[in-house]
Amino acid sequence: MTVWSYKVARDYGFAPNPFHGVCTLACCKPLIRGHANIGDWVIGAGSKANGLWGKVVYAMIVDETMTFDQYWNDPRFQVKKPVLEGAHKGFFGDNIYQRDGSVDGFRQANSHHSMRDGSVNTDNLRQDTQEDRLLLARQFVYFGANAVTPPQHIFGHLGEPFPRDVRTYKSYSPEMQQAIKDWLLESFDWGLRGLPEAWGNAIEGKRT
């Protein structure tokens, strides 16, 4: 059971999307989405840009994987399709891809990952669909703007910085992985424990 750790450069509640009782990683991070297995942990760390460097933004234990088409068509996840006229939770819906006959092979719904005029953002589409696979977790803790700092008295003696400021991903030694799991499971009530950091400045229609 691997612990994957990476930097959440922008925390909008889109990648990951922690709403409606399921934490989903459906966009960005194709390497993690392509290789993480059921039972693996995925941990998102804050960035210097959002003022959360060295903190844990969220953690999820993967319990299901599916393709974009499966996600798009699954009745359970229609609520995760973007509603651009709604509140932030709807605007940042991450159920945005389905296969079609186009050159790129996928249709991108108007969403946070589209261009400002609603047209397809081909850069985001190509990155997101490098892996036709997304990760889901019912067991997760999402801190968002309330991101937490790991205690050094637990991790300092293990000789590995946690979390590391890496954009792609980092896995840890078995000892460190167990310490990370124990700390998160024993120290917090899991579930939605905060709102996305960017919502403090976000407005309807903002895209990055």
N, C-alpha and C. Protein backbone atom coordinates (compact mmCIF):
# COMPACT_ATOMS: atom_id res chain seq x y z
N MET A 1 0.85 -1.18 0.00
CA MET A 1 0.00 0.00 0.00
C MET A 1 0.89 1.24 0.00
N THR A 2 0.97 1.92 -1.11
CA THR A 2 1.88 3.04 -1.28
C THR A 2 1.22 4.35 -0.83
N VAL A 3 2.02 5.23 -0.24
CA VAL A 3 1.59 6.59 0.05
C VAL A 3 2.21 7.50 -1.01
N TRP A 4 1.36 8.11 -1.82
CA TRP A 4 1.78 9.06 -2.83
C TRP A 4 1.60 10.48 -2.29
N SER A 5 2.61 11.32 -2.45
CA SER A 5 2.52 12.69 -1.96
C SER A 5 2.92 13.64 -3.09
N TYR A 6 2.19 14.74 -3.23
CA TYR A 6 2.51 15.71 -4.27
C TYR A 6 2.06 17.09 -3.80
N LYS A 7 2.43 18.11 -4.57
CA LYS A 7 2.09 19.48 -4.23
C LYS A 7 0.80 19.90 -4.94
N VAL A 8 -0.15 20.39 -4.17
CA VAL A 8 -1.38 20.97 -4.72
C VAL A 8 -1.08 22.44 -4.99
N ALA A 9 -0.77 22.74 -6.23
CA ALA A 9 -0.35 24.10 -6.57
C ALA A 9 -1.49 25.09 -6.41
N ARG A 10 -2.72 24.67 -6.76
CA ARG A 10 -3.90 25.53 -6.67
C ARG A 10 -5.03 24.72 -6.05
N ASP A 11 -5.55 25.19 -4.95
CA ASP A 11 -6.60 24.46 -4.23
C ASP A 11 -7.94 25.16 -4.44
N TYR A 12 -8.68 24.69 -5.46
CA TYR A 12 -9.99 25.24 -5.78
C TYR A 12 -11.13 24.27 -5.45
N GLY A 13 -10.82 23.08 -4.94
CA GLY A 13 -11.86 22.08 -4.77
C GLY A 13 -12.20 21.39 -6.07
N PHE A 14 -11.28 21.45 -7.03
CA PHE A 14 -11.46 20.82 -8.35
C PHE A 14 -10.62 19.56 -8.47
N ALA A 15 -9.35 19.65 -8.14
CA ALA A 15 -8.45 18.50 -8.16
C ALA A 15 -7.57 18.57 -6.92
N PRO A 16 -8.00 17.93 -5.82
CA PRO A 16 -9.12 16.99 -5.75
C PRO A 16 -10.46 17.73 -5.58
N ASN A 17 -11.53 16.98 -5.82
CA ASN A 17 -12.89 17.45 -5.55
C ASN A 17 -13.41 16.66 -4.35
N PRO A 18 -13.55 17.31 -3.18
CA PRO A 18 -13.87 16.57 -1.95
C PRO A 18 -15.34 16.58 -1.57
N PHE A 19 -16.22 16.89 -2.51
CA PHE A 19 -17.62 17.13 -2.17
C PHE A 19 -18.52 15.93 -2.46
N HIS A 20 -19.72 16.00 -1.89
CA HIS A 20 -20.77 14.99 -2.10
C HIS A 20 -20.37 13.62 -1.55
N GLY A 21 -19.54 13.62 -0.50
CA GLY A 21 -19.22 12.39 0.21
C GLY A 21 -18.15 11.53 -0.41
N VAL A 22 -17.60 11.96 -1.55
CA VAL A 22 -16.54 11.20 -2.23
C VAL A 22 -15.46 12.16 -2.67
N CYS A 23 -14.22 11.85 -2.32
CA CYS A 23 -13.10 12.65 -2.79
C CYS A 23 -12.61 12.04 -4.10
N THR A 24 -12.58 12.86 -5.16
CA THR A 24 -12.19 12.37 -6.48
C THR A 24 -10.97 13.13 -6.98
N LEU A 25 -10.06 12.39 -7.59
CA LEU A 25 -8.94 12.99 -8.31
C LEU A 25 -9.14 12.58 -9.76
N ALA A 26 -9.82 13.47 -10.51
CA ALA A 26 -10.23 13.15 -11.88
C ALA A 26 -9.45 13.95 -12.91
N CYS A 27 -8.77 15.00 -12.51
CA CYS A 27 -8.02 15.85 -13.41
C CYS A 27 -6.64 16.11 -12.81
N CYS A 28 -5.72 16.55 -13.66
CA CYS A 28 -4.33 16.78 -13.24
C CYS A 28 -3.71 15.44 -12.77
N LYS A 29 -2.47 15.47 -12.41
CA LYS A 29 -1.72 14.34 -11.83
C LYS A 29 -1.93 13.01 -12.57
N PRO A 30 -1.67 12.97 -13.90
CA PRO A 30 -1.90 11.72 -14.63
C PRO A 30 -1.02 10.56 -14.16
N LEU A 31 0.19 10.85 -13.69
CA LEU A 31 1.06 9.77 -13.24
C LEU A 31 0.48 9.07 -12.03
N ILE A 32 -0.02 9.85 -11.09
CA ILE A 32 -0.63 9.24 -9.90
C ILE A 32 -1.91 8.52 -10.27
N ARG A 33 -2.75 9.16 -11.06
CA ARG A 33 -4.02 8.52 -11.46
C ARG A 33 -3.77 7.23 -12.23
N GLY A 34 -2.69 7.19 -12.98
CA GLY A 34 -2.40 6.00 -13.77
C GLY A 34 -1.79 4.86 -13.00
N HIS A 35 -1.17 5.14 -11.85
CA HIS A 35 -0.40 4.10 -11.15
C HIS A 35 -0.89 3.77 -9.74
N ALA A 36 -1.64 4.66 -9.10
CA ALA A 36 -2.12 4.35 -7.75
C ALA A 36 -3.13 3.21 -7.80
N ASN A 37 -3.07 2.35 -6.83
CA ASN A 37 -3.94 1.18 -6.75
C ASN A 37 -4.95 1.34 -5.62
N ILE A 38 -5.98 0.53 -5.67
CA ILE A 38 -6.96 0.51 -4.57
C ILE A 38 -6.22 0.15 -3.28
N GLY A 39 -6.47 0.93 -2.25
CA GLY A 39 -5.77 0.76 -0.97
C GLY A 39 -4.61 1.72 -0.80
N ASP A 40 -4.12 2.31 -1.89
CA ASP A 40 -3.06 3.30 -1.78
C ASP A 40 -3.59 4.60 -1.19
N TRP A 41 -2.68 5.35 -0.61
CA TRP A 41 -3.00 6.68 -0.09
C TRP A 41 -2.48 7.73 -1.06
N VAL A 42 -3.24 8.80 -1.22
CA VAL A 42 -2.77 9.97 -1.97
C VAL A 42 -2.89 11.17 -1.04
N ILE A 43 -1.77 11.89 -0.89
CA ILE A 43 -1.73 13.03 0.01
C ILE A 43 -1.32 14.26 -0.77
N GLY A 44 -2.09 15.32 -0.64
CA GLY A 44 -1.78 16.58 -1.29
C GLY A 44 -1.21 17.57 -0.30
N ALA A 45 -0.06 18.13 -0.61
CA ALA A 45 0.60 19.11 0.24
C ALA A 45 0.38 20.51 -0.31
N GLY A 46 0.44 21.50 0.56
CA GLY A 46 0.29 22.88 0.14
C GLY A 46 1.51 23.39 -0.60
N SER A 47 1.36 24.55 -1.22
CA SER A 47 2.46 25.15 -1.98
C SER A 47 2.83 26.50 -1.37
N LYS A 48 3.98 27.00 -1.77
CA LYS A 48 4.38 28.34 -1.34
C LYS A 48 3.44 29.39 -1.91
N ALA A 49 2.96 29.16 -3.13
CA ALA A 49 2.09 30.13 -3.78
C ALA A 49 0.79 30.37 -3.02
N ASN A 50 0.25 29.31 -2.42
CA ASN A 50 -1.01 29.49 -1.69
C ASN A 50 -0.81 29.62 -0.18
N GLY A 51 0.44 29.76 0.22
CA GLY A 51 0.73 29.99 1.63
C GLY A 51 0.57 28.78 2.52
N LEU A 52 0.52 27.59 1.93
CA LEU A 52 0.30 26.36 2.70
C LEU A 52 1.49 25.41 2.61
N TRP A 53 2.65 25.93 2.26
CA TRP A 53 3.82 25.08 2.12
C TRP A 53 4.12 24.35 3.43
N GLY A 54 4.45 23.07 3.31
CA GLY A 54 4.78 22.27 4.48
C GLY A 54 3.58 21.72 5.21
N LYS A 55 2.37 21.97 4.69
CA LYS A 55 1.15 21.51 5.33
C LYS A 55 0.44 20.47 4.47
N VAL A 56 -0.43 19.69 5.10
CA VAL A 56 -1.22 18.69 4.39
C VAL A 56 -2.59 19.28 4.08
N VAL A 57 -2.93 19.31 2.79
CA VAL A 57 -4.22 19.84 2.34
C VAL A 57 -5.29 18.76 2.39
N TYR A 58 -4.92 17.53 2.00
CA TYR A 58 -5.90 16.44 2.03
C TYR A 58 -5.19 15.10 1.99
N ALA A 59 -5.91 14.07 2.36
CA ALA A 59 -5.44 12.69 2.22
C ALA A 59 -6.64 11.83 1.84
N MET A 60 -6.43 10.88 0.94
CA MET A 60 -7.50 9.97 0.53
C MET A 60 -6.95 8.56 0.42
N ILE A 61 -7.80 7.59 0.75
CA ILE A 61 -7.44 6.18 0.58
C ILE A 61 -8.27 5.67 -0.59
N VAL A 62 -7.60 5.33 -1.68
CA VAL A 62 -8.29 4.97 -2.92
C VAL A 62 -9.10 3.69 -2.72
N ASP A 63 -10.41 3.76 -3.02
CA ASP A 63 -11.22 2.54 -2.92
C ASP A 63 -11.92 2.19 -4.23
N GLU A 64 -11.74 3.02 -5.27
CA GLU A 64 -12.36 2.72 -6.56
C GLU A 64 -11.61 3.50 -7.64
N THR A 65 -11.50 2.91 -8.81
CA THR A 65 -10.97 3.61 -9.98
C THR A 65 -11.96 3.41 -11.12
N MET A 66 -11.97 4.33 -12.07
CA MET A 66 -12.83 4.19 -13.24
C MET A 66 -12.31 5.05 -14.37
N THR A 67 -12.85 4.83 -15.56
CA THR A 67 -12.50 5.62 -16.72
C THR A 67 -13.34 6.90 -16.74
N PHE A 68 -12.98 7.82 -17.61
CA PHE A 68 -13.76 9.05 -17.75
C PHE A 68 -15.19 8.76 -18.19
N ASP A 69 -15.35 7.85 -19.15
CA ASP A 69 -16.71 7.52 -19.60
C ASP A 69 -17.54 6.91 -18.48
N GLN A 70 -16.94 6.03 -17.70
CA GLN A 70 -17.67 5.44 -16.58
C GLN A 70 -18.09 6.51 -15.58
N TYR A 71 -17.20 7.44 -15.31
CA TYR A 71 -17.50 8.53 -14.38
C TYR A 71 -18.61 9.42 -14.94
N TRP A 72 -18.50 9.76 -16.21
CA TRP A 72 -19.47 10.63 -16.85
C TRP A 72 -20.88 10.04 -16.82
N ASN A 73 -20.98 8.73 -17.01
CA ASN A 73 -22.28 8.07 -17.13
C ASN A 73 -22.82 7.50 -15.83
N ASP A 74 -22.03 7.45 -14.79
CA ASP A 74 -22.45 6.83 -13.54
C ASP A 74 -23.48 7.71 -12.83
N PRO A 75 -24.67 7.19 -12.52
CA PRO A 75 -25.70 8.02 -11.85
C PRO A 75 -25.23 8.60 -10.52
N ARG A 76 -24.29 7.94 -9.85
CA ARG A 76 -23.82 8.43 -8.56
C ARG A 76 -23.08 9.76 -8.67
N PHE A 77 -22.52 10.04 -9.85
CA PHE A 77 -21.61 11.17 -9.96
C PHE A 77 -22.09 12.25 -10.92
N GLN A 78 -23.38 12.23 -11.24
CA GLN A 78 -23.92 13.34 -12.04
C GLN A 78 -23.80 14.64 -11.26
N VAL A 79 -23.88 14.55 -9.95
CA VAL A 79 -23.78 15.74 -9.09
C VAL A 79 -22.40 16.38 -9.17
N LYS A 80 -21.41 15.65 -9.69
CA LYS A 80 -20.07 16.20 -9.81
C LYS A 80 -19.81 16.84 -11.17
N LYS A 81 -20.81 16.90 -12.03
CA LYS A 81 -20.67 17.65 -13.27
C LYS A 81 -20.78 19.15 -12.96
N PRO A 82 -20.01 19.99 -13.66
CA PRO A 82 -20.00 21.41 -13.33
C PRO A 82 -21.33 22.11 -13.60
N VAL A 83 -21.70 23.00 -12.71
CA VAL A 83 -22.85 23.88 -12.87
C VAL A 83 -22.31 25.30 -12.77
N LEU A 84 -22.07 25.91 -13.90
CA LEU A 84 -21.33 27.17 -13.91
C LEU A 84 -22.13 28.35 -13.38
N GLU A 85 -23.46 28.21 -13.34
CA GLU A 85 -24.27 29.29 -12.81
C GLU A 85 -24.48 29.16 -11.31
N GLY A 86 -23.95 28.10 -10.72
CA GLY A 86 -24.20 27.84 -9.31
C GLY A 86 -23.12 28.39 -8.41
N ALA A 87 -23.14 27.88 -7.18
CA ALA A 87 -22.14 28.27 -6.19
C ALA A 87 -20.82 27.58 -6.49
N HIS A 88 -19.81 27.87 -5.67
CA HIS A 88 -18.48 27.34 -5.92
C HIS A 88 -18.47 25.82 -6.06
N LYS A 89 -19.20 25.14 -5.20
CA LYS A 89 -19.17 23.68 -5.22
C LYS A 89 -19.59 23.13 -6.58
N GLY A 90 -20.59 23.75 -7.19
CA GLY A 90 -21.03 23.33 -8.52
C GLY A 90 -20.07 23.78 -9.60
N PHE A 91 -19.56 25.00 -9.49
CA PHE A 91 -18.67 25.53 -10.52
C PHE A 91 -17.43 24.67 -10.68
N PHE A 92 -16.91 24.14 -9.59
CA PHE A 92 -15.67 23.38 -9.65
C PHE A 92 -15.90 21.87 -9.75
N GLY A 93 -17.04 21.47 -10.27
CA GLY A 93 -17.28 20.06 -10.54
C GLY A 93 -16.22 19.49 -11.47
N ASP A 94 -15.78 18.25 -11.21
CA ASP A 94 -14.66 17.67 -11.96
C ASP A 94 -15.07 16.56 -12.93
N ASN A 95 -16.36 16.31 -13.10
CA ASN A 95 -16.83 15.28 -14.03
C ASN A 95 -17.01 15.94 -15.38
N ILE A 96 -15.92 16.07 -16.15
CA ILE A 96 -15.94 16.95 -17.32
C ILE A 96 -15.54 16.27 -18.63
N TYR A 97 -15.16 15.01 -18.62
CA TYR A 97 -14.67 14.37 -19.84
C TYR A 97 -15.51 13.17 -20.24
N GLN A 98 -15.72 13.04 -21.55
CA GLN A 98 -16.29 11.83 -22.12
C GLN A 98 -15.65 11.60 -23.49
N ARG A 99 -15.55 10.36 -23.90
CA ARG A 99 -14.93 10.03 -25.18
C ARG A 99 -15.83 10.45 -26.33
N ASP A 100 -15.18 10.88 -27.44
CA ASP A 100 -15.92 11.16 -28.66
C ASP A 100 -15.01 10.84 -29.85
N GLY A 101 -15.43 11.22 -31.04
CA GLY A 101 -14.66 10.88 -32.23
C GLY A 101 -13.72 11.96 -32.68
N SER A 102 -13.41 12.92 -31.84
CA SER A 102 -12.55 14.02 -32.23
C SER A 102 -11.09 13.58 -32.29
N VAL A 103 -10.26 14.50 -32.77
CA VAL A 103 -8.83 14.20 -32.89
C VAL A 103 -8.23 13.87 -31.53
N ASP A 104 -8.61 14.61 -30.50
CA ASP A 104 -8.06 14.38 -29.17
C ASP A 104 -8.72 13.21 -28.46
N GLY A 105 -9.86 12.77 -28.96
CA GLY A 105 -10.50 11.58 -28.42
C GLY A 105 -11.44 11.83 -27.27
N PHE A 106 -11.50 13.05 -26.74
CA PHE A 106 -12.36 13.35 -25.60
C PHE A 106 -13.07 14.68 -25.82
N ARG A 107 -14.26 14.77 -25.29
CA ARG A 107 -14.99 16.03 -25.22
C ARG A 107 -14.80 16.60 -23.82
N GLN A 108 -14.52 17.89 -23.75
CA GLN A 108 -14.34 18.58 -22.47
C GLN A 108 -15.55 19.47 -22.20
N ALA A 109 -16.27 19.20 -21.12
CA ALA A 109 -17.40 20.05 -20.75
C ALA A 109 -16.90 21.42 -20.33
N ASN A 110 -17.73 22.43 -20.52
CA ASN A 110 -17.40 23.77 -20.04
C ASN A 110 -17.23 23.71 -18.53
N SER A 111 -16.07 24.13 -18.07
CA SER A 111 -15.70 23.85 -16.68
C SER A 111 -14.53 24.72 -16.26
N HIS A 112 -14.07 24.48 -15.05
CA HIS A 112 -12.90 25.16 -14.52
C HIS A 112 -11.68 24.94 -15.41
N HIS A 113 -11.61 23.83 -16.13
CA HIS A 113 -10.46 23.53 -16.98
C HIS A 113 -10.65 23.97 -18.42
N SER A 114 -11.73 24.68 -18.72
CA SER A 114 -11.94 25.23 -20.06
C SER A 114 -11.34 26.62 -20.16
N MET A 115 -11.37 27.18 -21.37
CA MET A 115 -10.96 28.57 -21.56
C MET A 115 -12.02 29.49 -20.97
N ARG A 116 -11.64 30.75 -20.81
CA ARG A 116 -12.57 31.70 -20.20
C ARG A 116 -13.85 31.88 -21.01
N ASP A 117 -13.76 31.69 -22.33
CA ASP A 117 -14.96 31.83 -23.16
C ASP A 117 -15.76 30.54 -23.27
N GLY A 118 -15.36 29.52 -22.54
CA GLY A 118 -16.08 28.25 -22.54
C GLY A 118 -15.58 27.24 -23.55
N SER A 119 -14.64 27.63 -24.41
CA SER A 119 -14.11 26.71 -25.39
C SER A 119 -13.11 25.74 -24.74
N VAL A 120 -12.74 24.72 -25.49
CA VAL A 120 -11.85 23.69 -24.95
C VAL A 120 -10.46 24.25 -24.68
N ASN A 121 -9.93 23.96 -23.53
CA ASN A 121 -8.54 24.25 -23.22
C ASN A 121 -7.75 23.00 -23.58
N THR A 122 -7.11 23.02 -24.74
CA THR A 122 -6.46 21.81 -25.24
C THR A 122 -5.29 21.38 -24.37
N ASP A 123 -4.60 22.32 -23.74
CA ASP A 123 -3.49 21.95 -22.86
C ASP A 123 -4.01 21.14 -21.68
N ASN A 124 -5.07 21.64 -21.03
CA ASN A 124 -5.63 20.90 -19.90
C ASN A 124 -6.20 19.56 -20.35
N LEU A 125 -6.88 19.55 -21.49
CA LEU A 125 -7.46 18.30 -21.98
C LEU A 125 -6.37 17.25 -22.19
N ARG A 126 -5.30 17.63 -22.84
CA ARG A 126 -4.24 16.65 -23.15
C ARG A 126 -3.56 16.16 -21.87
N GLN A 127 -3.33 17.08 -20.92
CA GLN A 127 -2.72 16.63 -19.67
C GLN A 127 -3.65 15.72 -18.90
N ASP A 128 -4.90 16.15 -18.75
CA ASP A 128 -5.85 15.38 -17.95
C ASP A 128 -6.08 13.99 -18.53
N THR A 129 -6.14 13.87 -19.85
CA THR A 129 -6.52 12.60 -20.48
C THR A 129 -5.32 11.75 -20.88
N GLN A 130 -4.13 12.14 -20.40
CA GLN A 130 -2.97 11.25 -20.60
C GLN A 130 -3.27 9.86 -20.04
N GLU A 131 -4.02 9.84 -18.94
CA GLU A 131 -4.46 8.58 -18.33
C GLU A 131 -5.97 8.59 -18.26
N ASP A 132 -6.60 7.63 -18.91
CA ASP A 132 -8.07 7.51 -18.87
C ASP A 132 -8.46 6.76 -17.61
N ARG A 133 -8.18 7.39 -16.50
CA ARG A 133 -8.36 6.73 -15.20
C ARG A 133 -8.43 7.79 -14.12
N LEU A 134 -9.35 7.64 -13.21
CA LEU A 134 -9.46 8.57 -12.08
C LEU A 134 -9.62 7.78 -10.80
N LEU A 135 -9.36 8.46 -9.69
CA LEU A 135 -9.32 7.83 -8.37
C LEU A 135 -10.46 8.36 -7.51
N LEU A 136 -11.07 7.45 -6.73
CA LEU A 136 -12.16 7.83 -5.84
C LEU A 136 -11.90 7.30 -4.44
N ALA A 137 -12.38 8.04 -3.44
CA ALA A 137 -12.20 7.61 -2.05
C ALA A 137 -13.37 8.06 -1.21
N ARG A 138 -13.95 7.12 -0.47
CA ARG A 138 -14.96 7.47 0.53
C ARG A 138 -14.31 7.76 1.87
N GLN A 139 -13.11 7.24 2.07
CA GLN A 139 -12.37 7.53 3.29
C GLN A 139 -11.32 8.58 2.96
N PHE A 140 -11.55 9.79 3.42
CA PHE A 140 -10.65 10.88 3.11
C PHE A 140 -10.77 11.95 4.19
N VAL A 141 -9.74 12.79 4.25
CA VAL A 141 -9.82 13.98 5.08
C VAL A 141 -9.33 15.14 4.23
N TYR A 142 -10.15 16.17 4.14
CA TYR A 142 -9.83 17.34 3.33
C TYR A 142 -9.85 18.56 4.24
N PHE A 143 -8.65 19.17 4.39
CA PHE A 143 -8.52 20.34 5.25
C PHE A 143 -8.65 21.65 4.47
N GLY A 144 -8.22 21.66 3.22
CA GLY A 144 -8.30 22.87 2.41
C GLY A 144 -7.56 24.02 3.06
N ALA A 145 -8.25 25.14 3.23
CA ALA A 145 -7.64 26.32 3.84
C ALA A 145 -7.20 26.08 5.27
N ASN A 146 -7.72 25.03 5.91
CA ASN A 146 -7.32 24.67 7.28
C ASN A 146 -6.21 23.63 7.29
N ALA A 147 -5.40 23.61 6.24
CA ALA A 147 -4.32 22.63 6.12
C ALA A 147 -3.50 22.54 7.40
N VAL A 148 -3.05 21.32 7.71
CA VAL A 148 -2.38 21.06 8.99
C VAL A 148 -0.89 20.79 8.79
N THR A 149 -0.12 21.17 9.78
CA THR A 149 1.33 20.98 9.76
C THR A 149 1.69 19.68 10.46
N PRO A 150 2.40 18.77 9.80
CA PRO A 150 2.82 17.54 10.46
C PRO A 150 3.75 17.84 11.64
N PRO A 151 3.56 17.17 12.76
CA PRO A 151 4.41 17.41 13.94
C PRO A 151 5.81 16.82 13.76
N GLN A 152 6.79 17.64 14.00
CA GLN A 152 8.16 17.20 13.82
C GLN A 152 8.58 16.13 14.84
N HIS A 153 7.93 16.10 15.99
CA HIS A 153 8.33 15.10 16.98
C HIS A 153 7.96 13.69 16.50
N ILE A 154 7.07 13.60 15.52
CA ILE A 154 6.72 12.29 14.96
C ILE A 154 7.62 11.94 13.78
N PHE A 155 7.87 12.92 12.92
CA PHE A 155 8.54 12.61 11.65
C PHE A 155 10.01 12.99 11.61
N GLY A 156 10.44 13.89 12.49
CA GLY A 156 11.80 14.39 12.40
C GLY A 156 12.87 13.32 12.49
N HIS A 157 12.67 12.34 13.36
CA HIS A 157 13.72 11.35 13.58
C HIS A 157 13.80 10.32 12.46
N LEU A 158 12.82 10.31 11.54
CA LEU A 158 12.83 9.34 10.44
C LEU A 158 13.70 9.80 9.28
N GLY A 159 14.13 11.06 9.30
CA GLY A 159 15.11 11.52 8.32
C GLY A 159 14.57 11.82 6.94
N GLU A 160 13.24 11.91 6.79
CA GLU A 160 12.65 12.24 5.49
C GLU A 160 11.69 13.42 5.67
N PRO A 161 11.91 14.51 4.95
CA PRO A 161 10.96 15.63 5.05
C PRO A 161 9.57 15.20 4.61
N PHE A 162 8.57 15.60 5.37
CA PHE A 162 7.18 15.31 5.01
C PHE A 162 6.31 16.52 5.34
N PRO A 163 5.48 17.00 4.39
CA PRO A 163 5.51 16.58 2.97
C PRO A 163 6.60 17.32 2.22
N ARG A 164 7.06 16.75 1.13
CA ARG A 164 8.07 17.41 0.32
C ARG A 164 7.41 18.34 -0.69
N ASP A 165 8.15 19.36 -1.07
CA ASP A 165 7.64 20.36 -2.02
C ASP A 165 7.93 19.87 -3.44
N VAL A 166 7.20 18.85 -3.87
CA VAL A 166 7.39 18.29 -5.19
C VAL A 166 6.08 18.38 -5.97
N ARG A 167 6.17 18.70 -7.25
CA ARG A 167 4.98 18.94 -8.07
C ARG A 167 4.35 17.62 -8.53
N THR A 168 5.17 16.63 -8.84
CA THR A 168 4.65 15.41 -9.44
C THR A 168 4.24 14.43 -8.36
N TYR A 169 5.18 13.69 -7.78
CA TYR A 169 4.82 12.84 -6.66
C TYR A 169 6.07 12.36 -5.95
N LYS A 170 5.86 11.91 -4.73
CA LYS A 170 6.94 11.37 -3.92
C LYS A 170 6.39 10.22 -3.11
N SER A 171 7.06 9.10 -3.13
CA SER A 171 6.71 8.02 -2.22
C SER A 171 7.78 7.96 -1.12
N TYR A 172 7.47 7.26 -0.05
CA TYR A 172 8.31 7.29 1.14
C TYR A 172 8.72 5.88 1.55
N SER A 173 9.68 5.83 2.45
CA SER A 173 10.12 4.55 2.98
C SER A 173 8.95 3.89 3.73
N PRO A 174 8.99 2.58 3.90
CA PRO A 174 7.91 1.91 4.63
C PRO A 174 7.69 2.47 6.03
N GLU A 175 8.77 2.83 6.74
CA GLU A 175 8.62 3.37 8.09
C GLU A 175 7.91 4.72 8.06
N MET A 176 8.30 5.57 7.09
CA MET A 176 7.66 6.87 6.98
C MET A 176 6.20 6.73 6.56
N GLN A 177 5.92 5.83 5.64
CA GLN A 177 4.54 5.63 5.21
C GLN A 177 3.65 5.22 6.37
N GLN A 178 4.13 4.33 7.21
CA GLN A 178 3.33 3.90 8.35
C GLN A 178 3.12 5.03 9.34
N ALA A 179 4.16 5.83 9.56
CA ALA A 179 4.04 6.96 10.48
C ALA A 179 3.03 7.99 9.96
N ILE A 180 3.04 8.22 8.65
CA ILE A 180 2.08 9.15 8.04
C ILE A 180 0.66 8.65 8.25
N LYS A 181 0.43 7.38 7.97
CA LYS A 181 -0.90 6.80 8.12
C LYS A 181 -1.37 6.89 9.58
N ASP A 182 -0.50 6.51 10.49
CA ASP A 182 -0.89 6.52 11.91
C ASP A 182 -1.25 7.92 12.36
N TRP A 183 -0.44 8.90 11.98
CA TRP A 183 -0.70 10.28 12.38
C TRP A 183 -2.05 10.77 11.87
N LEU A 184 -2.32 10.56 10.61
CA LEU A 184 -3.57 11.05 10.03
C LEU A 184 -4.79 10.32 10.58
N LEU A 185 -4.69 9.01 10.74
CA LEU A 185 -5.84 8.24 11.22
C LEU A 185 -6.14 8.50 12.69
N GLU A 186 -5.10 8.71 13.47
CA GLU A 186 -5.29 8.84 14.92
C GLU A 186 -5.54 10.27 15.38
N SER A 187 -5.20 11.25 14.55
CA SER A 187 -5.22 12.63 15.02
C SER A 187 -6.44 13.43 14.58
N PHE A 188 -7.19 12.93 13.57
CA PHE A 188 -8.25 13.75 13.00
C PHE A 188 -9.52 12.94 12.75
N ASP A 189 -10.66 13.65 12.84
CA ASP A 189 -11.91 13.10 12.34
C ASP A 189 -11.90 13.28 10.83
N TRP A 190 -12.11 12.19 10.11
CA TRP A 190 -11.99 12.26 8.66
C TRP A 190 -13.27 12.80 8.03
N GLY A 191 -13.15 13.27 6.81
CA GLY A 191 -14.25 13.87 6.08
C GLY A 191 -13.87 15.27 5.64
N LEU A 192 -14.87 16.10 5.36
CA LEU A 192 -14.65 17.46 4.92
C LEU A 192 -14.41 18.35 6.14
N ARG A 193 -13.18 18.85 6.29
CA ARG A 193 -12.80 19.62 7.47
C ARG A 193 -12.41 21.06 7.13
N GLY A 194 -12.69 21.48 5.94
CA GLY A 194 -12.39 22.85 5.55
C GLY A 194 -12.86 23.10 4.13
N LEU A 195 -12.77 24.33 3.69
CA LEU A 195 -13.11 24.71 2.32
C LEU A 195 -11.84 25.06 1.56
N PRO A 196 -11.88 24.99 0.24
CA PRO A 196 -10.66 25.26 -0.54
C PRO A 196 -10.05 26.62 -0.25
N GLU A 197 -8.73 26.64 -0.21
CA GLU A 197 -8.00 27.87 0.09
C GLU A 197 -8.35 28.98 -0.88
N ALA A 198 -8.49 28.66 -2.17
CA ALA A 198 -8.72 29.69 -3.19
C ALA A 198 -10.10 30.31 -3.11
N TRP A 199 -11.02 29.70 -2.39
CA TRP A 199 -12.37 30.26 -2.34
C TRP A 199 -12.42 31.60 -1.61
N GLY A 200 -11.40 31.89 -0.87
CA GLY A 200 -11.37 33.19 -0.22
C GLY A 200 -11.29 34.32 -1.22
N ASN A 201 -10.71 34.04 -2.41
CA ASN A 201 -10.57 35.06 -3.44
C ASN A 201 -11.31 34.68 -4.72
N ALA A 202 -11.90 33.49 -4.75
CA ALA A 202 -12.52 33.03 -5.99
C ALA A 202 -13.82 33.77 -6.24
N ILE A 203 -14.14 33.96 -7.50
CA ILE A 203 -15.43 34.50 -7.91
C ILE A 203 -16.01 33.58 -8.96
N GLU A 204 -17.31 33.61 -9.14
CA GLU A 204 -17.93 32.77 -10.15
C GLU A 204 -17.33 33.10 -11.51
N GLY A 205 -16.97 32.06 -12.22
CA GLY A 205 -16.44 32.25 -13.56
C GLY A 205 -14.93 32.35 -13.63
N LYS A 206 -14.26 32.29 -12.48
CA LYS A 206 -12.80 32.38 -12.50
C LYS A 206 -12.21 31.04 -12.92
N ARG A 207 -11.24 31.10 -13.84
CA ARG A 207 -10.58 29.88 -14.30
C ARG A 207 -9.07 30.11 -14.22
N THR A 208 -8.34 29.01 -14.06
CA THR A 208 -6.88 29.11 -14.09
C THR A 208 -6.34 28.02 -14.97
